[in-house]
Amino acid sequence: ALQGSLSALRIFYRLGVRSICLVWNNRNEIADGVGDLSSGGGLTDFGRKVVKEMNDLGMIVDVSHMTEKGFWDVIEVSRSPIIASHSNSKAICNHNRNLTDQQIMAVKSNNGVIGINLYPYFLNESGNASIDDVIKHIEHISSLAGPEIVGLGADFDGIEKTPEGIKGVEDIHKIFERLGQLNYTDEFIEGFAGKNFLRVVKEVL
């Protein structure tokens, strides 16, 4: 959308855009996506300028879909908390779209947030997932890096399949209820349900 222009970024900001996912699965002017892993590419020179300009403007940098090299480039460049708006744990499901434990800890150090993606193929290797598979990612990330780092990043607008029992936003409460059954506190559930993301929104914007 930026077509290699910081002026376009500033126009989007004036139009109300406050968060940008830097890349999808394929390469663009900013960076390489996970579909271009063989290139080993990270942020381009333009991409570094974009991240710095987003920091200056007060826009949230989203690293979901980036190569691991690109992720680490963003960690190096960004002066503000970042988000991985819809990414899971690679330790639980070894998919290129998921984050390593080292990346998760880097998001923690950056004071950012990771939104749990509900796409079954990012939840387990079989591609047939349940709410308990969602819980496994929540538990791993929160136990590794703390409850303040984990949020909900369902990805309903980008996936054609969902976990069993979750058809859409009308079923999200089932995840909260399952967490309650597992004796997670109301404070934890409220953070996961939105307060953790709101923390980053307030800090960056």
Protein backbone atom coordinates (compact mmCIF):
# COMPACT_ATOMS: atom_id res chain seq x y z
CA ALA A 1 0.00 0.00 0.00
CA LEU A 2 2.90 2.40 0.65
CA GLN A 3 4.48 1.75 -2.76
CA GLY A 4 7.89 2.72 -1.44
CA SER A 5 6.82 6.15 -0.19
CA LEU A 6 7.02 7.58 3.34
CA SER A 7 4.64 10.29 2.13
CA ALA A 8 2.01 7.59 1.60
CA LEU A 9 2.59 6.41 5.18
CA ARG A 10 1.98 9.94 6.47
CA ILE A 11 -1.19 10.23 4.38
CA PHE A 12 -2.51 6.97 5.83
CA TYR A 13 -1.75 8.32 9.30
CA ARG A 14 -3.73 11.49 8.59
CA LEU A 15 -6.58 9.31 7.34
CA GLY A 16 -6.66 7.53 10.70
CA VAL A 17 -4.49 4.42 10.22
CA ARG A 18 -2.71 3.63 13.50
CA SER A 19 -1.31 0.13 12.92
CA ILE A 20 0.33 -1.54 9.93
CA CYS A 21 1.22 -5.19 9.42
CA LEU A 22 4.52 -4.63 7.63
CA VAL A 23 4.29 -7.60 5.29
CA TRP A 24 2.09 -10.49 4.28
CA ASN A 25 3.55 -13.85 3.24
CA ASN A 26 5.41 -12.44 0.26
CA ARG A 27 8.07 -9.79 -0.24
CA ASN A 28 7.16 -6.13 -0.52
CA GLU A 29 9.11 -2.84 -0.36
CA ILE A 30 9.40 -3.11 3.44
CA ALA A 31 10.54 -6.68 4.08
CA ASP A 32 10.26 -10.37 3.20
CA GLY A 33 7.36 -12.47 4.40
CA VAL A 34 7.45 -16.07 5.60
CA GLY A 35 6.75 -17.22 2.04
CA ASP A 36 10.21 -15.96 1.06
CA LEU A 37 12.24 -17.79 3.70
CA SER A 38 14.85 -18.99 1.21
CA SER A 39 15.95 -15.42 0.55
CA GLY A 40 16.94 -14.87 4.17
CA GLY A 41 15.75 -11.31 3.81
CA GLY A 42 14.70 -8.96 6.57
CA LEU A 43 13.84 -5.27 6.59
CA THR A 44 14.91 -3.30 3.53
CA ASP A 45 16.47 0.14 3.91
CA PHE A 46 13.02 1.55 3.17
CA GLY A 47 11.53 -0.80 5.75
CA ARG A 48 13.85 0.55 8.43
CA LYS A 49 12.73 4.07 7.55
CA VAL A 50 9.09 2.96 7.76
CA VAL A 51 9.53 1.52 11.27
CA LYS A 52 11.30 4.67 12.48
CA GLU A 53 8.63 6.90 10.92
CA MET A 54 5.84 4.82 12.47
CA ASN A 55 7.54 5.27 15.85
CA ASP A 56 7.71 9.03 15.30
CA LEU A 57 4.08 9.30 14.16
CA GLY A 58 2.67 7.03 16.87
CA MET A 59 1.69 3.98 14.83
CA ILE A 60 1.80 0.36 16.00
CA VAL A 61 4.27 -1.90 14.16
CA ASP A 62 2.87 -5.40 13.51
CA VAL A 63 5.41 -8.16 12.78
CA SER A 64 3.04 -11.06 12.03
CA HIS A 65 3.89 -12.74 8.69
CA MET A 66 7.53 -11.53 8.76
CA THR A 67 10.56 -13.74 8.34
CA GLU A 68 12.53 -14.30 11.52
CA LYS A 69 15.31 -12.09 10.13
CA GLY A 70 12.79 -9.32 9.56
CA PHE A 71 11.44 -9.75 13.08
CA TRP A 72 14.88 -9.26 14.60
CA ASP A 73 15.50 -6.24 12.38
CA VAL A 74 12.30 -4.66 13.74
CA ILE A 75 13.34 -5.44 17.32
CA GLU A 76 16.63 -3.67 16.61
CA VAL A 77 15.06 -0.61 14.98
CA SER A 78 11.82 0.02 16.87
CA ARG A 79 11.86 2.35 19.86
CA SER A 80 8.21 1.56 20.68
CA PRO A 81 6.36 -1.61 21.69
CA ILE A 82 5.45 -3.83 18.75
CA ILE A 83 2.75 -6.42 18.27
CA ALA A 84 2.53 -9.79 16.57
CA SER A 85 -1.19 -9.37 16.06
CA HIS A 86 -1.98 -12.95 15.01
CA SER A 87 0.92 -15.32 15.67
CA ASN A 88 1.36 -18.44 17.82
CA SER A 89 4.14 -20.45 19.47
CA LYS A 90 6.50 -22.46 17.29
CA ALA A 91 7.38 -24.65 20.29
CA ILE A 92 3.76 -25.86 20.34
CA CYS A 93 3.24 -25.98 16.55
CA ASN A 94 6.27 -25.86 14.27
CA HIS A 95 4.88 -23.63 11.54
CA ASN A 96 6.76 -20.81 9.78
CA ARG A 97 4.05 -18.34 10.83
CA ASN A 98 4.67 -19.01 14.50
CA LEU A 99 7.24 -17.46 16.84
CA THR A 100 10.22 -19.12 18.52
CA ASP A 101 10.67 -18.85 22.27
CA GLN A 102 13.49 -16.37 21.63
CA GLN A 103 11.16 -14.17 19.59
CA ILE A 104 8.48 -14.39 22.27
CA MET A 105 10.97 -13.25 24.90
CA ALA A 106 12.04 -10.38 22.64
CA VAL A 107 8.42 -9.20 22.41
CA LYS A 108 8.32 -9.32 26.21
CA SER A 109 11.49 -7.21 26.47
CA ASN A 110 9.96 -4.78 23.98
CA ASN A 111 6.77 -4.53 26.14
CA GLY A 112 4.71 -5.73 23.16
CA VAL A 113 1.87 -8.24 22.78
CA ILE A 114 1.28 -11.45 20.83
CA GLY A 115 -2.26 -12.20 19.64
CA ILE A 116 -3.19 -15.89 19.53
CA ASN A 117 -4.20 -16.95 16.01
CA LEU A 118 -7.14 -19.38 15.76
CA TYR A 119 -6.17 -20.92 12.42
CA PRO A 120 -6.01 -24.70 13.08
CA TYR A 121 -2.86 -25.16 10.97
CA PHE A 122 -1.04 -22.70 13.25
CA LEU A 123 -2.38 -24.44 16.37
CA ASN A 124 -1.21 -28.01 15.72
CA GLU A 125 0.36 -30.10 12.99
CA SER A 126 -2.85 -31.99 12.17
CA GLY A 127 -4.81 -28.92 11.17
CA ASN A 128 -7.82 -30.07 13.21
CA ALA A 129 -7.84 -28.03 16.38
CA SER A 130 -9.93 -27.57 19.49
CA ILE A 131 -10.23 -24.89 22.15
CA ASP A 132 -7.70 -26.85 24.20
CA ASP A 133 -5.16 -26.34 21.40
CA VAL A 134 -5.74 -22.60 21.70
CA ILE A 135 -5.19 -22.88 25.45
CA LYS A 136 -1.85 -24.65 24.91
CA HIS A 137 -0.49 -21.63 23.04
CA ILE A 138 -1.87 -19.20 25.62
CA GLU A 139 -0.31 -21.23 28.42
CA HIS A 140 3.07 -21.61 26.75
CA ILE A 141 3.47 -17.93 25.89
CA SER A 142 2.17 -16.65 29.23
CA SER A 143 4.24 -19.09 31.28
CA LEU A 144 7.36 -18.26 29.26
CA ALA A 145 7.04 -14.49 29.05
CA GLY A 146 4.25 -13.46 31.41
CA PRO A 147 0.48 -12.96 31.18
CA GLU A 148 0.81 -9.34 30.04
CA ILE A 149 2.24 -10.41 26.67
CA VAL A 150 -0.64 -12.58 25.42
CA GLY A 151 -3.82 -11.43 23.69
CA LEU A 152 -6.40 -12.55 21.18
CA GLY A 153 -5.61 -12.26 17.47
CA ALA A 154 -8.26 -14.54 15.99
CA ASP A 155 -7.64 -13.81 12.26
CA PHE A 156 -11.31 -14.54 11.45
CA ASP A 157 -11.11 -12.28 8.38
CA GLY A 158 -8.24 -14.28 6.89
CA ILE A 159 -8.90 -17.95 7.60
CA GLU A 160 -11.26 -20.48 6.03
CA LYS A 161 -11.21 -22.92 8.94
CA THR A 162 -11.59 -22.51 12.70
CA PRO A 163 -11.14 -24.71 15.79
CA GLU A 164 -13.98 -27.06 16.64
CA GLY A 165 -16.70 -25.20 18.50
CA ILE A 166 -15.59 -21.74 17.37
CA LYS A 167 -17.43 -20.49 14.31
CA GLY A 168 -16.74 -16.81 14.80
CA VAL A 169 -16.74 -13.95 17.30
CA GLU A 170 -19.99 -15.28 18.77
CA ASP A 171 -18.03 -18.19 20.23
CA ILE A 172 -15.02 -16.35 21.66
CA HIS A 173 -16.57 -16.50 25.12
CA LYS A 174 -15.89 -20.25 25.09
CA ILE A 175 -12.16 -19.57 25.28
CA PHE A 176 -12.66 -17.26 28.26
CA GLU A 177 -14.89 -19.82 29.95
CA ARG A 178 -12.32 -22.57 29.39
CA LEU A 179 -9.63 -20.41 30.96
CA GLY A 180 -11.94 -19.87 33.93
CA GLN A 181 -12.47 -23.62 34.27
CA LEU A 182 -8.68 -23.99 34.41
CA ASN A 183 -8.61 -21.52 37.34
CA TYR A 184 -7.12 -18.60 35.46
CA THR A 185 -7.95 -15.37 37.26
CA ASP A 186 -10.38 -12.75 36.01
CA GLU A 187 -7.40 -10.40 35.73
CA PHE A 188 -5.60 -12.83 33.41
CA ILE A 189 -8.70 -13.38 31.26
CA GLU A 190 -9.43 -9.65 30.99
CA GLY A 191 -5.84 -9.01 29.93
CA PHE A 192 -6.01 -11.71 27.29
CA ALA A 193 -9.44 -10.51 26.12
CA GLY A 194 -8.23 -7.00 25.35
CA LYS A 195 -6.48 -5.09 28.13
CA ASN A 196 -3.00 -6.22 27.09
CA PHE A 197 -3.51 -4.88 23.58
CA LEU A 198 -5.04 -1.70 25.00
CA ARG A 199 -1.87 -1.17 27.04
CA VAL A 200 0.19 -1.07 23.85
CA VAL A 201 -2.39 1.12 22.09
CA LYS A 202 -2.23 3.68 24.93
CA GLU A 203 1.56 3.64 25.05
CA VAL A 204 2.18 3.97 21.32
CA LEU A 205 -0.69 6.18 20.21
